[in-house]
Amino acid sequence: MVLMVGINMCSEYKRGYNFERRVRKYLEGLGYTVFRAAGSKPIDLIVFTHGAGFILECKVSKKYLRKENVERMLKIHEKTGLIPVFAYRDKDKKIRFLNLLTNKEMLFPHVNSLDKYVSL
């Protein structure tokens, strides 16, 4: 029985890690610079582009969003100005992003589409 719990915990970790990698590759494909935060508590990824920054917590399901994680991410936002975002997988296994400041779904546009707003 203990062995089964260990196997289940391992597979849950692996699912979460694979989803985090998927989110990272997706954002890098859009042109964002993405760093994985070591330890992953409470932040999994730090995302930058053209002076904008985001902190992401990645979970395979929206049901895993915990109040204490949101509160920690909001405190980090207060100190850094980085926008806290929750990344999760919907029922169709598509990546979704929830802005924790507005509590609304958000999209990450392709970085090249932002060029018209950046003056050089």
PDB file of N, CA and C in Angstrom:
ATOM      1  N   MET A   1       0.823  -1.197   0.000  1.00  0.00           N
ATOM      2  CA  MET A   1       0.000   0.000   0.000  1.00  0.00           C
ATOM      3  C   MET A   1       0.869   1.263   0.000  1.00  0.00           C
ATOM      4  N   VAL A   2       1.890   1.289   0.818  1.00  0.00           N
ATOM      5  CA  VAL A   2       2.780   2.440   0.856  1.00  0.00           C
ATOM      6  C   VAL A   2       3.467   2.633  -0.491  1.00  0.00           C
ATOM      7  N   LEU A   3       3.845   1.528  -1.111  1.00  0.00           N
ATOM      8  CA  LEU A   3       4.483   1.592  -2.420  1.00  0.00           C
ATOM      9  C   LEU A   3       3.549   2.228  -3.445  1.00  0.00           C
ATOM     10  N   MET A   4       2.267   1.916  -3.401  1.00  0.00           N
ATOM     11  CA  MET A   4       1.292   2.479  -4.326  1.00  0.00           C
ATOM     12  C   MET A   4       1.202   3.990  -4.163  1.00  0.00           C
ATOM     13  N   VAL A   5       1.212   4.467  -2.925  1.00  0.00           N
ATOM     14  CA  VAL A   5       1.162   5.909  -2.670  1.00  0.00           C
ATOM     15  C   VAL A   5       2.388   6.567  -3.267  1.00  0.00           C
ATOM     16  N   GLY A   6       3.552   5.959  -3.085  1.00  0.00           N
ATOM     17  CA  GLY A   6       4.782   6.506  -3.641  1.00  0.00           C
ATOM     18  C   GLY A   6       4.735   6.593  -5.159  1.00  0.00           C
ATOM     19  N   ILE A   7       4.210   5.574  -5.780  1.00  0.00           N
ATOM     20  CA  ILE A   7       4.090   5.562  -7.239  1.00  0.00           C
ATOM     21  C   ILE A   7       3.119   6.636  -7.692  1.00  0.00           C
ATOM     22  N   ASN A   8       1.977   6.764  -6.996  1.00  0.00           N
ATOM     23  CA  ASN A   8       0.989   7.771  -7.341  1.00  0.00           C
ATOM     24  C   ASN A   8       1.559   9.173  -7.187  1.00  0.00           C
ATOM     25  N   MET A   9       2.271   9.426  -6.103  1.00  0.00           N
ATOM     26  CA  MET A   9       2.881  10.735  -5.868  1.00  0.00           C
ATOM     27  C   MET A   9       3.882  11.041  -6.970  1.00  0.00           C
ATOM     28  N   CYS A  10       4.636  10.057  -7.368  1.00  0.00           N
ATOM     29  CA  CYS A  10       5.636  10.240  -8.418  1.00  0.00           C
ATOM     30  C   CYS A  10       4.959  10.587  -9.734  1.00  0.00           C
ATOM     31  N   SER A  11       3.882   9.880 -10.076  1.00  0.00           N
ATOM     32  CA  SER A  11       3.195  10.146 -11.336  1.00  0.00           C
ATOM     33  C   SER A  11       2.511  11.509 -11.309  1.00  0.00           C
ATOM     34  N   GLU A  12       1.992  11.935 -10.151  1.00  0.00           N
ATOM     35  CA  GLU A  12       1.396  13.266 -10.019  1.00  0.00           C
ATOM     36  C   GLU A  12       2.456  14.341 -10.231  1.00  0.00           C
ATOM     37  N   TYR A  13       3.627  14.146  -9.620  1.00  0.00           N
ATOM     38  CA  TYR A  13       4.728  15.088  -9.799  1.00  0.00           C
ATOM     39  C   TYR A  13       5.128  15.152 -11.270  1.00  0.00           C
ATOM     40  N   LYS A  14       5.211  14.006 -11.909  1.00  0.00           N
ATOM     41  CA  LYS A  14       5.618  13.941 -13.310  1.00  0.00           C
ATOM     42  C   LYS A  14       4.604  14.659 -14.205  1.00  0.00           C
ATOM     43  N   ARG A  15       3.320  14.469 -13.947  1.00  0.00           N
ATOM     44  CA  ARG A  15       2.282  15.166 -14.717  1.00  0.00           C
ATOM     45  C   ARG A  15       2.432  16.674 -14.560  1.00  0.00           C
ATOM     46  N   GLY A  16       2.642  17.113 -13.320  1.00  0.00           N
ATOM     47  CA  GLY A  16       2.812  18.545 -13.062  1.00  0.00           C
ATOM     48  C   GLY A  16       4.056  19.100 -13.734  1.00  0.00           C
ATOM     49  N   TYR A  17       5.148  18.358 -13.642  1.00  0.00           N
ATOM     50  CA  TYR A  17       6.405  18.789 -14.260  1.00  0.00           C
ATOM     51  C   TYR A  17       6.264  18.860 -15.777  1.00  0.00           C
ATOM     52  N   ASN A  18       5.611  17.856 -16.364  1.00  0.00           N
ATOM     53  CA  ASN A  18       5.415  17.854 -17.819  1.00  0.00           C
ATOM     54  C   ASN A  18       4.540  19.025 -18.258  1.00  0.00           C
ATOM     55  N   PHE A  19       3.517  19.348 -17.479  1.00  0.00           N
ATOM     56  CA  PHE A  19       2.674  20.492 -17.819  1.00  0.00           C
ATOM     57  C   PHE A  19       3.464  21.796 -17.719  1.00  0.00           C
ATOM     58  N   GLU A  20       4.265  21.926 -16.675  1.00  0.00           N
ATOM     59  CA  GLU A  20       5.108  23.115 -16.506  1.00  0.00           C
ATOM     60  C   GLU A  20       6.041  23.278 -17.712  1.00  0.00           C
ATOM     61  N   ARG A  21       6.647  22.184 -18.174  1.00  0.00           N
ATOM     62  CA  ARG A  21       7.515  22.228 -19.357  1.00  0.00           C
ATOM     63  C   ARG A  21       6.730  22.634 -20.597  1.00  0.00           C
ATOM     64  N   ARG A  22       5.517  22.127 -20.708  1.00  0.00           N
ATOM     65  CA  ARG A  22       4.666  22.477 -21.849  1.00  0.00           C
ATOM     66  C   ARG A  22       4.354  23.973 -21.862  1.00  0.00           C
ATOM     67  N   VAL A  23       4.023  24.534 -20.699  1.00  0.00           N
ATOM     68  CA  VAL A  23       3.744  25.972 -20.597  1.00  0.00           C
ATOM     69  C   VAL A  23       4.990  26.765 -20.969  1.00  0.00           C
ATOM     70  N   ARG A  24       6.142  26.338 -20.458  1.00  0.00           N
ATOM     71  CA  ARG A  24       7.398  27.030 -20.758  1.00  0.00           C
ATOM     72  C   ARG A  24       7.675  27.035 -22.265  1.00  0.00           C
ATOM     73  N   LYS A  25       7.563  25.880 -22.907  1.00  0.00           N
ATOM     74  CA  LYS A  25       7.814  25.795 -24.350  1.00  0.00           C
ATOM     75  C   LYS A  25       6.820  26.641 -25.136  1.00  0.00           C
ATOM     76  N   TYR A  26       5.571  26.648 -24.708  1.00  0.00           N
ATOM     77  CA  TYR A  26       4.545  27.439 -25.373  1.00  0.00           C
ATOM     78  C   TYR A  26       4.921  28.931 -25.337  1.00  0.00           C
ATOM     79  N   LEU A  27       5.269  29.433 -24.152  1.00  0.00           N
ATOM     80  CA  LEU A  27       5.606  30.852 -24.008  1.00  0.00           C
ATOM     81  C   LEU A  27       6.903  31.198 -24.731  1.00  0.00           C
ATOM     82  N   GLU A  28       7.889  30.310 -24.680  1.00  0.00           N
ATOM     83  CA  GLU A  28       9.128  30.547 -25.429  1.00  0.00           C
ATOM     84  C   GLU A  28       8.841  30.586 -26.932  1.00  0.00           C
ATOM     85  N   GLY A  29       7.911  29.764 -27.380  1.00  0.00           N
ATOM     86  CA  GLY A  29       7.524  29.760 -28.788  1.00  0.00           C
ATOM     87  C   GLY A  29       6.873  31.066 -29.221  1.00  0.00           C
ATOM     88  N   LEU A  30       6.273  31.767 -28.265  1.00  0.00           N
ATOM     89  CA  LEU A  30       5.682  33.075 -28.545  1.00  0.00           C
ATOM     90  C   LEU A  30       6.716  34.199 -28.462  1.00  0.00           C
ATOM     91  N   GLY A  31       7.948  33.860 -28.079  1.00  0.00           N
ATOM     92  CA  GLY A  31       9.016  34.855 -28.031  1.00  0.00           C
ATOM     93  C   GLY A  31       9.343  35.388 -26.646  1.00  0.00           C
ATOM     94  N   TYR A  32       8.749  34.845 -25.603  1.00  0.00           N
ATOM     95  CA  TYR A  32       9.020  35.289 -24.232  1.00  0.00           C
ATOM     96  C   TYR A  32      10.294  34.634 -23.710  1.00  0.00           C
ATOM     97  N   THR A  33      10.957  35.317 -22.806  1.00  0.00           N
ATOM     98  CA  THR A  33      12.094  34.750 -22.088  1.00  0.00           C
ATOM     99  C   THR A  33      11.527  34.130 -20.815  1.00  0.00           C
ATOM    100  N   VAL A  34      11.803  32.849 -20.607  1.00  0.00           N
ATOM    101  CA  VAL A  34      11.191  32.117 -19.496  1.00  0.00           C
ATOM    102  C   VAL A  34      12.277  31.450 -18.661  1.00  0.00           C
ATOM    103  N   PHE A  35      12.183  31.623 -17.346  1.00  0.00           N
ATOM    104  CA  PHE A  35      13.088  30.980 -16.407  1.00  0.00           C
ATOM    105  C   PHE A  35      12.274  30.078 -15.493  1.00  0.00           C
ATOM    106  N   ARG A  36      12.800  28.903 -15.214  1.00  0.00           N
ATOM    107  CA  ARG A  36      12.175  28.003 -14.245  1.00  0.00           C
ATOM    108  C   ARG A  36      12.719  28.350 -12.872  1.00  0.00           C
ATOM    109  N   ALA A  37      11.830  28.541 -11.920  1.00  0.00           N
ATOM    110  CA  ALA A  37      12.234  28.870 -10.553  1.00  0.00           C
ATOM    111  C   ALA A  37      12.574  27.582  -9.813  1.00  0.00           C
ATOM    112  N   ALA A  38      13.788  27.498  -9.300  1.00  0.00           N
ATOM    113  CA  ALA A  38      14.214  26.308  -8.557  1.00  0.00           C
ATOM    114  C   ALA A  38      13.371  26.152  -7.300  1.00  0.00           C
ATOM    115  N   GLY A  39      12.967  24.951  -7.036  1.00  0.00           N
ATOM    116  CA  GLY A  39      12.161  24.685  -5.846  1.00  0.00           C
ATOM    117  C   GLY A  39      10.674  24.833  -6.098  1.00  0.00           C
ATOM    118  N   SER A  40      10.303  25.658  -7.048  1.00  0.00           N
ATOM    119  CA  SER A  40       8.912  25.815  -7.485  1.00  0.00           C
ATOM    120  C   SER A  40       7.938  26.138  -6.366  1.00  0.00           C
ATOM    121  N   LYS A  41       8.340  26.921  -5.407  1.00  0.00           N
ATOM    122  CA  LYS A  41       7.423  27.292  -4.325  1.00  0.00           C
ATOM    123  C   LYS A  41       7.480  28.773  -4.061  1.00  0.00           C
ATOM    124  N   PRO A  42       6.467  29.556  -4.248  1.00  0.00           N
ATOM    125  CA  PRO A  42       5.190  29.267  -4.886  1.00  0.00           C
ATOM    126  C   PRO A  42       5.207  29.553  -6.384  1.00  0.00           C
ATOM    127  N   ILE A  43       6.362  29.855  -6.940  1.00  0.00           N
ATOM    128  CA  ILE A  43       6.451  30.224  -8.349  1.00  0.00           C
ATOM    129  C   ILE A  43       7.112  29.100  -9.128  1.00  0.00           C
ATOM    130  N   ASP A  44       6.549  28.783 -10.297  1.00  0.00           N
ATOM    131  CA  ASP A  44       7.158  27.788 -11.173  1.00  0.00           C
ATOM    132  C   ASP A  44       7.990  28.450 -12.260  1.00  0.00           C
ATOM    133  N   LEU A  45       7.435  29.517 -12.873  1.00  0.00           N
ATOM    134  CA  LEU A  45       8.117  30.164 -13.990  1.00  0.00           C
ATOM    135  C   LEU A  45       8.121  31.680 -13.820  1.00  0.00           C
ATOM    136  N   ILE A  46       9.187  32.301 -14.306  1.00  0.00           N
ATOM    137  CA  ILE A  46       9.281  33.756 -14.372  1.00  0.00           C
ATOM    138  C   ILE A  46       9.407  34.099 -15.850  1.00  0.00           C
ATOM    139  N   VAL A  47       8.531  34.992 -16.320  1.00  0.00           N
ATOM    140  CA  VAL A  47       8.408  35.274 -17.756  1.00  0.00           C
ATOM    141  C   VAL A  47       8.635  36.761 -17.995  1.00  0.00           C
ATOM    142  N   PHE A  48       9.473  37.086 -18.998  1.00  0.00           N
ATOM    143  CA  PHE A  48       9.776  38.479 -19.323  1.00  0.00           C
ATOM    144  C   PHE A  48       9.641  38.755 -20.807  1.00  0.00           C
ATOM    145  N   THR A  49       9.285  39.984 -21.127  1.00  0.00           N
ATOM    146  CA  THR A  49       9.370  40.517 -22.480  1.00  0.00           C
ATOM    147  C   THR A  49       9.245  42.028 -22.427  1.00  0.00           C
ATOM    148  N   HIS A  50      10.029  42.729 -23.220  1.00  0.00           N
ATOM    149  CA  HIS A  50       9.932  44.186 -23.390  1.00  0.00           C
ATOM    150  C   HIS A  50       9.585  44.930 -22.101  1.00  0.00           C
ATOM    151  N   GLY A  51      10.209  44.587 -21.010  1.00  0.00           N
ATOM    152  CA  GLY A  51       9.979  45.296 -19.762  1.00  0.00           C
ATOM    153  C   GLY A  51       8.800  44.807 -18.944  1.00  0.00           C
ATOM    154  N   ALA A  52       7.995  43.897 -19.483  1.00  0.00           N
ATOM    155  CA  ALA A  52       6.873  43.342 -18.726  1.00  0.00           C
ATOM    156  C   ALA A  52       7.320  42.028 -18.103  1.00  0.00           C
ATOM    157  N   GLY A  53       6.852  41.762 -16.897  1.00  0.00           N
ATOM    158  CA  GLY A  53       7.234  40.532 -16.219  1.00  0.00           C
ATOM    159  C   GLY A  53       6.051  39.857 -15.555  1.00  0.00           C
ATOM    160  N   PHE A  54       6.113  38.538 -15.518  1.00  0.00           N
ATOM    161  CA  PHE A  54       5.043  37.732 -14.948  1.00  0.00           C
ATOM    162  C   PHE A  54       5.648  36.630 -14.087  1.00  0.00           C
ATOM    163  N   ILE A  55       4.927  36.236 -13.046  1.00  0.00           N
ATOM    164  CA  ILE A  55       5.281  35.053 -12.275  1.00  0.00           C
ATOM    165  C   ILE A  55       4.137  34.056 -12.461  1.00  0.00           C
ATOM    166  N   LEU A  56       4.486  32.803 -12.729  1.00  0.00           N
ATOM    167  CA  LEU A  56       3.469  31.791 -13.014  1.00  0.00           C
ATOM    168  C   LEU A  56       3.545  30.632 -12.045  1.00  0.00           C
ATOM    169  N   GLU A  57       2.387  30.190 -11.640  1.00  0.00           N
ATOM    170  CA  GLU A  57       2.211  28.936 -10.923  1.00  0.00           C
ATOM    171  C   GLU A  57       1.471  28.031 -11.896  1.00  0.00           C
ATOM    172  N   CYS A  58       2.005  26.849 -12.177  1.00  0.00           N
ATOM    173  CA  CYS A  58       1.431  25.932 -13.168  1.00  0.00           C
ATOM    174  C   CYS A  58       0.838  24.714 -12.466  1.00  0.00           C
ATOM    175  N   LYS A  59      -0.402  24.419 -12.786  1.00  0.00           N
ATOM    176  CA  LYS A  59      -1.080  23.231 -12.251  1.00  0.00           C
ATOM    177  C   LYS A  59      -1.853  22.563 -13.365  1.00  0.00           C
ATOM    178  N   VAL A  60      -1.971  21.256 -13.327  1.00  0.00           N
ATOM    179  CA  VAL A  60      -2.655  20.532 -14.390  1.00  0.00           C
ATOM    180  C   VAL A  60      -4.166  20.770 -14.377  1.00  0.00           C
ATOM    181  N   SER A  61      -4.705  21.304 -13.289  1.00  0.00           N
ATOM    182  CA  SER A  61      -6.142  21.555 -13.202  1.00  0.00           C
ATOM    183  C   SER A  61      -6.402  22.809 -12.378  1.00  0.00           C
ATOM    184  N   LYS A  62      -7.443  23.522 -12.735  1.00  0.00           N
ATOM    185  CA  LYS A  62      -7.817  24.744 -12.005  1.00  0.00           C
ATOM    186  C   LYS A  62      -8.178  24.419 -10.549  1.00  0.00           C
ATOM    187  N   LYS A  63      -8.623  23.201 -10.298  1.00  0.00           N
ATOM    188  CA  LYS A  63      -9.029  22.829  -8.937  1.00  0.00           C
ATOM    189  C   LYS A  63      -7.861  22.840  -7.953  1.00  0.00           C
ATOM    190  N   TYR A  64      -6.622  22.851  -8.466  1.00  0.00           N
ATOM    191  CA  TYR A  64      -5.457  22.843  -7.579  1.00  0.00           C
ATOM    192  C   TYR A  64      -4.998  24.239  -7.165  1.00  0.00           C
ATOM    193  N   LEU A  65      -5.701  25.276  -7.592  1.00  0.00           N
ATOM    194  CA  LEU A  65      -5.353  26.635  -7.177  1.00  0.00           C
ATOM    195  C   LEU A  65      -5.708  26.798  -5.701  1.00  0.00           C
ATOM    196  N   ARG A  66      -4.717  27.091  -4.886  1.00  0.00           N
ATOM    197  CA  ARG A  66      -4.893  27.212  -3.433  1.00  0.00           C
ATOM    198  C   ARG A  66      -4.797  28.674  -3.003  1.00  0.00           C
ATOM    199  N   LYS A  67      -5.636  29.022  -2.041  1.00  0.00           N
ATOM    200  CA  LYS A  67      -5.692  30.392  -1.529  1.00  0.00           C
ATOM    201  C   LYS A  67      -4.328  30.852  -1.018  1.00  0.00           C
ATOM    202  N   GLU A  68      -3.614  29.997  -0.323  1.00  0.00           N
ATOM    203  CA  GLU A  68      -2.311  30.378   0.235  1.00  0.00           C
ATOM    204  C   GLU A  68      -1.286  30.662  -0.869  1.00  0.00           C
ATOM    205  N   ASN A  69      -1.366  29.933  -1.984  1.00  0.00           N
ATOM    206  CA  ASN A  69      -0.462  30.200  -3.111  1.00  0.00           C
ATOM    207  C   ASN A  69      -0.777  31.548  -3.750  1.00  0.00           C
ATOM    208  N   VAL A  70      -2.072  31.840  -3.892  1.00  0.00           N
ATOM    209  CA  VAL A  70      -2.484  33.129  -4.457  1.00  0.00           C
ATOM    210  C   VAL A  70      -1.987  34.261  -3.568  1.00  0.00           C
ATOM    211  N   GLU A  71      -2.167  34.124  -2.262  1.00  0.00           N
ATOM    212  CA  GLU A  71      -1.728  35.167  -1.329  1.00  0.00           C
ATOM    213  C   GLU A  71      -0.220  35.387  -1.406  1.00  0.00           C
ATOM    214  N   ARG A  72       0.560  34.309  -1.505  1.00  0.00           N
ATOM    215  CA  ARG A  72       2.023  34.441  -1.625  1.00  0.00           C
ATOM    216  C   ARG A  72       2.397  35.136  -2.933  1.00  0.00           C
ATOM    217  N   MET A  73       1.731  34.767  -4.006  1.00  0.00           N
ATOM    218  CA  MET A  73       2.037  35.387  -5.296  1.00  0.00           C
ATOM    219  C   MET A  73       1.658  36.867  -5.307  1.00  0.00           C
ATOM    220  N   LEU A  74       0.560  37.220  -4.647  1.00  0.00           N
ATOM    221  CA  LEU A  74       0.173  38.631  -4.562  1.00  0.00           C
ATOM    222  C   LEU A  74       1.181  39.428  -3.744  1.00  0.00           C
ATOM    223  N   LYS A  75       1.752  38.818  -2.704  1.00  0.00           N
ATOM    224  CA  LYS A  75       2.795  39.497  -1.921  1.00  0.00           C
ATOM    225  C   LYS A  75       4.050  39.708  -2.761  1.00  0.00           C
ATOM    226  N   ILE A  76       4.390  38.730  -3.570  1.00  0.00           N
ATOM    227  CA  ILE A  76       5.543  38.879  -4.458  1.00  0.00           C
ATOM    228  C   ILE A  76       5.269  39.994  -5.463  1.00  0.00           C
ATOM    229  N   HIS A  77       4.046  40.069  -5.962  1.00  0.00           N
ATOM    230  CA  HIS A  77       3.663  41.152  -6.878  1.00  0.00           C
ATOM    231  C   HIS A  77       3.854  42.517  -6.219  1.00  0.00           C
ATOM    232  N   GLU A  78       3.427  42.641  -4.962  1.00  0.00           N
ATOM    233  CA  GLU A  78       3.557  43.912  -4.243  1.00  0.00           C
ATOM    234  C   GLU A  78       5.014  44.354  -4.139  1.00  0.00           C
ATOM    235  N   LYS A  79       5.923  43.401  -3.969  1.00  0.00           N
ATOM    236  CA  LYS A  79       7.342  43.722  -3.820  1.00  0.00           C
ATOM    237  C   LYS A  79       8.057  43.922  -5.150  1.00  0.00           C
ATOM    238  N   THR A  80       7.581  43.253  -6.217  1.00  0.00           N
ATOM    239  CA  THR A  80       8.330  43.245  -7.478  1.00  0.00           C
ATOM    240  C   THR A  80       7.612  43.914  -8.651  1.00  0.00           C
ATOM    241  N   GLY A  81       6.297  44.005  -8.579  1.00  0.00           N
ATOM    242  CA  GLY A  81       5.520  44.514  -9.701  1.00  0.00           C
ATOM    243  C   GLY A  81       5.256  43.468 -10.771  1.00  0.00           C
ATOM    244  N   LEU A  82       5.804  42.255 -10.618  1.00  0.00           N
ATOM    245  CA  LEU A  82       5.563  41.181 -11.582  1.00  0.00           C
ATOM    246  C   LEU A  82       4.107  40.718 -11.474  1.00  0.00           C
ATOM    247  N   ILE A  83       3.485  40.468 -12.602  1.00  0.00           N
ATOM    248  CA  ILE A  83       2.070  40.108 -12.638  1.00  0.00           C
ATOM    249  C   ILE A  83       1.903  38.620 -12.318  1.00  0.00           C
ATOM    250  N   PRO A  84       1.112  38.290 -11.283  1.00  0.00           N
ATOM    251  CA  PRO A  84       0.913  36.880 -10.922  1.00  0.00           C
ATOM    252  C   PRO A  84      -0.127  36.214 -11.819  1.00  0.00           C
ATOM    253  N   VAL A  85       0.247  35.057 -12.368  1.00  0.00           N
ATOM    254  CA  VAL A  85      -0.610  34.337 -13.307  1.00  0.00           C
ATOM    255  C   VAL A  85      -0.661  32.864 -12.910  1.00  0.00           C
ATOM    256  N   PHE A  86      -1.847  32.302 -12.985  1.00  0.00           N
ATOM    257  CA  PHE A  86      -2.050  30.878 -12.747  1.00  0.00           C
ATOM    258  C   PHE A  86      -2.264  30.205 -14.095  1.00  0.00           C
ATOM    259  N   ALA A  87      -1.413  29.248 -14.441  1.00  0.00           N
ATOM    260  CA  ALA A  87      -1.538  28.494 -15.693  1.00  0.00           C
ATOM    261  C   ALA A  87      -2.114  27.124 -15.363  1.00  0.00           C
ATOM    262  N   TYR A  88      -3.119  26.729 -16.126  1.00  0.00           N
ATOM    263  CA  TYR A  88      -3.743  25.427 -15.893  1.00  0.00           C
ATOM    264  C   TYR A  88      -4.222  24.841 -17.217  1.00  0.00           C
ATOM    265  N   ARG A  89      -4.600  23.599 -17.165  1.00  0.00           N
ATOM    266  CA  ARG A  89      -5.081  22.875 -18.336  1.00  0.00           C
ATOM    267  C   ARG A  89      -6.606  22.771 -18.244  1.00  0.00           C
ATOM    268  N   ASP A  90      -7.310  23.129 -19.327  1.00  0.00           N
ATOM    269  CA  ASP A  90      -8.769  23.006 -19.302  1.00  0.00           C
ATOM    270  C   ASP A  90      -9.191  21.582 -19.650  1.00  0.00           C
ATOM    271  N   LYS A  91     -10.488  21.340 -19.729  1.00  0.00           N
ATOM    272  CA  LYS A  91     -10.987  19.971 -19.977  1.00  0.00           C
ATOM    273  C   LYS A  91     -10.569  19.432 -21.343  1.00  0.00           C
ATOM    274  N   ASP A  92     -10.243  20.344 -22.283  1.00  0.00           N
ATOM    275  CA  ASP A  92      -9.758  19.939 -23.602  1.00  0.00           C
ATOM    276  C   ASP A  92      -8.234  19.868 -23.661  1.00  0.00           C
ATOM    277  N   LYS A  93      -7.600  19.984 -22.485  1.00  0.00           N
ATOM    278  CA  LYS A  93      -6.148  19.935 -22.315  1.00  0.00           C
ATOM    279  C   LYS A  93      -5.416  21.111 -22.969  1.00  0.00           C
ATOM    280  N   LYS A  94      -6.133  22.229 -23.152  1.00  0.00           N
ATOM    281  CA  LYS A  94      -5.514  23.446 -23.658  1.00  0.00           C
ATOM    282  C   LYS A  94      -4.978  24.248 -22.484  1.00  0.00           C
ATOM    283  N   ILE A  95      -3.899  24.980 -22.717  1.00  0.00           N
ATOM    284  CA  ILE A  95      -3.310  25.825 -21.673  1.00  0.00           C
ATOM    285  C   ILE A  95      -4.157  27.074 -21.514  1.00  0.00           C
ATOM    286  N   ARG A  96      -4.501  27.393 -20.284  1.00  0.00           N
ATOM    287  CA  ARG A  96      -5.258  28.598 -19.950  1.00  0.00           C
ATOM    288  C   ARG A  96      -4.462  29.399 -18.935  1.00  0.00           C
ATOM    289  N   PHE A  97      -4.651  30.709 -18.974  1.00  0.00           N
ATOM    290  CA  PHE A  97      -3.949  31.597 -18.054  1.00  0.00           C
ATOM    291  C   PHE A  97      -4.963  32.466 -17.316  1.00  0.00           C
ATOM    292  N   LEU A  98      -4.817  32.556 -15.996  1.00  0.00           N
ATOM    293  CA  LEU A  98      -5.685  33.371 -15.159  1.00  0.00           C
ATOM    294  C   LEU A  98      -4.839  34.445 -14.485  1.00  0.00           C
ATOM    295  N   ASN A  99      -5.135  35.719 -14.780  1.00  0.00           N
ATOM    296  CA  ASN A  99      -4.448  36.833 -14.134  1.00  0.00           C
ATOM    297  C   ASN A  99      -4.989  36.921 -12.712  1.00  0.00           C
ATOM    298  N   LEU A 100      -4.134  36.751 -11.713  1.00  0.00           N
ATOM    299  CA  LEU A 100      -4.589  36.728 -10.324  1.00  0.00           C
ATOM    300  C   LEU A 100      -4.880  38.119  -9.773  1.00  0.00           C
ATOM    301  N   LEU A 101      -4.469  39.179 -10.480  1.00  0.00           N
ATOM    302  CA  LEU A 101      -4.809  40.537 -10.053  1.00  0.00           C
ATOM    303  C   LEU A 101      -6.249  40.876 -10.418  1.00  0.00           C
ATOM    304  N   THR A 102      -6.667  40.445 -11.608  1.00  0.00           N
ATOM    305  CA  THR A 102      -8.009  40.757 -12.098  1.00  0.00           C
ATOM    306  C   THR A 102      -8.983  39.597 -11.951  1.00  0.00           C
ATOM    307  N   ASN A 103      -8.440  38.409 -11.682  1.00  0.00           N
ATOM    308  CA  ASN A 103      -9.214  37.166 -11.610  1.00  0.00           C
ATOM    309  C   ASN A 103      -9.938  36.888 -12.926  1.00  0.00           C
ATOM    310  N   LYS A 104      -9.266  37.257 -14.052  1.00  0.00           N
ATOM    311  CA  LYS A 104      -9.834  37.041 -15.378  1.00  0.00           C
ATOM    312  C   LYS A 104      -8.848  36.280 -16.247  1.00  0.00           C
ATOM    313  N   GLU A 105      -9.411  35.518 -17.187  1.00  0.00           N
ATOM    314  CA  GLU A 105      -8.575  34.823 -18.158  1.00  0.00           C
ATOM    315  C   GLU A 105      -7.774  35.836 -18.957  1.00  0.00           C
ATOM    316  N   MET A 106      -6.566  35.453 -19.350  1.00  0.00           N
ATOM    317  CA  MET A 106      -5.729  36.336 -20.146  1.00  0.00           C
ATOM    318  C   MET A 106      -5.037  35.529 -21.229  1.00  0.00           C
ATOM    319  N   LEU A 107      -4.553  36.235 -22.230  1.00  0.00           N
ATOM    320  CA  LEU A 107      -3.789  35.627 -23.304  1.00  0.00           C
ATOM    321  C   LEU A 107      -2.395  36.220 -23.303  1.00  0.00           C
ATOM    322  N   PHE A 108      -1.430  35.445 -23.720  1.00  0.00           N
ATOM    323  CA  PHE A 108      -0.086  35.949 -23.962  1.00  0.00           C
ATOM    324  C   PHE A 108       0.037  36.121 -25.475  1.00  0.00           C
ATOM    325  N   PRO A 109       0.081  37.366 -25.967  1.00  0.00           N
ATOM    326  CA  PRO A 109       0.229  37.559 -27.412  1.00  0.00           C
ATOM    327  C   PRO A 109       1.634  37.203 -27.866  1.00  0.00           C
ATOM    328  N   HIS A 110       1.789  36.941 -29.144  1.00  0.00           N
ATOM    329  CA  HIS A 110       3.111  36.691 -29.694  1.00  0.00           C
ATOM    330  C   HIS A 110       3.933  37.961 -29.517  1.00  0.00           C
ATOM    331  N   VAL A 111       5.160  37.840 -29.058  1.00  0.00           N
ATOM    332  CA  VAL A 111       6.017  38.993 -28.770  1.00  0.00           C
ATOM    333  C   VAL A 111       6.176  39.891 -29.992  1.00  0.00           C
ATOM    334  N   ASN A 112       6.293  39.313 -31.183  1.00  0.00           N
ATOM    335  CA  ASN A 112       6.444  40.125 -32.390  1.00  0.00           C
ATOM    336  C   ASN A 112       5.254  41.038 -32.618  1.00  0.00           C
ATOM    337  N   SER A 113       4.075  40.656 -32.170  1.00  0.00           N
ATOM    338  CA  SER A 113       2.897  41.502 -32.331  1.00  0.00           C
ATOM    339  C   SER A 113       2.942  42.701 -31.396  1.00  0.00           C
ATOM    340  N   LEU A 114       3.827  42.665 -30.402  1.00  0.00           N
ATOM    341  CA  LEU A 114       3.968  43.790 -29.471  1.00  0.00           C
ATOM    342  C   LEU A 114       4.931  44.856 -29.977  1.00  0.00           C
ATOM    343  N   ASP A 115       5.694  44.537 -31.020  1.00  0.00           N
ATOM    344  CA  ASP A 115       6.713  45.465 -31.513  1.00  0.00           C
ATOM    345  C   ASP A 115       6.171  46.828 -31.873  1.00  0.00           C
ATOM    346  N   LYS A 116       4.936  46.906 -32.392  1.00  0.00           N
ATOM    347  CA  LYS A 116       4.390  48.187 -32.784  1.00  0.00           C
ATOM    348  C   LYS A 116       4.150  49.113 -31.589  1.00  0.00           C
ATOM    349  N   TYR A 117       4.129  48.548 -30.370  1.00  0.00           N
ATOM    350  CA  TYR A 117       3.922  49.340 -29.169  1.00  0.00           C
ATOM    351  C   TYR A 117       5.234  49.750 -28.495  1.00  0.00           C
ATOM    352  N   VAL A 118       6.332  49.204 -28.972  1.00  0.00           N
ATOM    353  CA  VAL A 118       7.635  49.469 -28.371  1.00  0.00           C
ATOM    354  C   VAL A 118       8.409  50.396 -29.287  1.00  0.00           C
ATOM    355  N   SER A 119       8.757  51.586 -28.772  1.00  0.00           N
ATOM    356  CA  SER A 119       9.530  52.514 -29.607  1.00  0.00           C
ATOM    357  C   SER A 119      11.009  52.317 -29.335  1.00  0.00           C
ATOM    358  N   LEU A 120      11.783  52.315 -30.388  1.00  0.00           N
ATOM    359  CA  LEU A 120      13.227  52.105 -30.268  1.00  0.00           C
ATOM    360  C   LEU A 120      13.972  53.394 -30.448  1.00  0.00           C
TER     361      LEU A 120
END
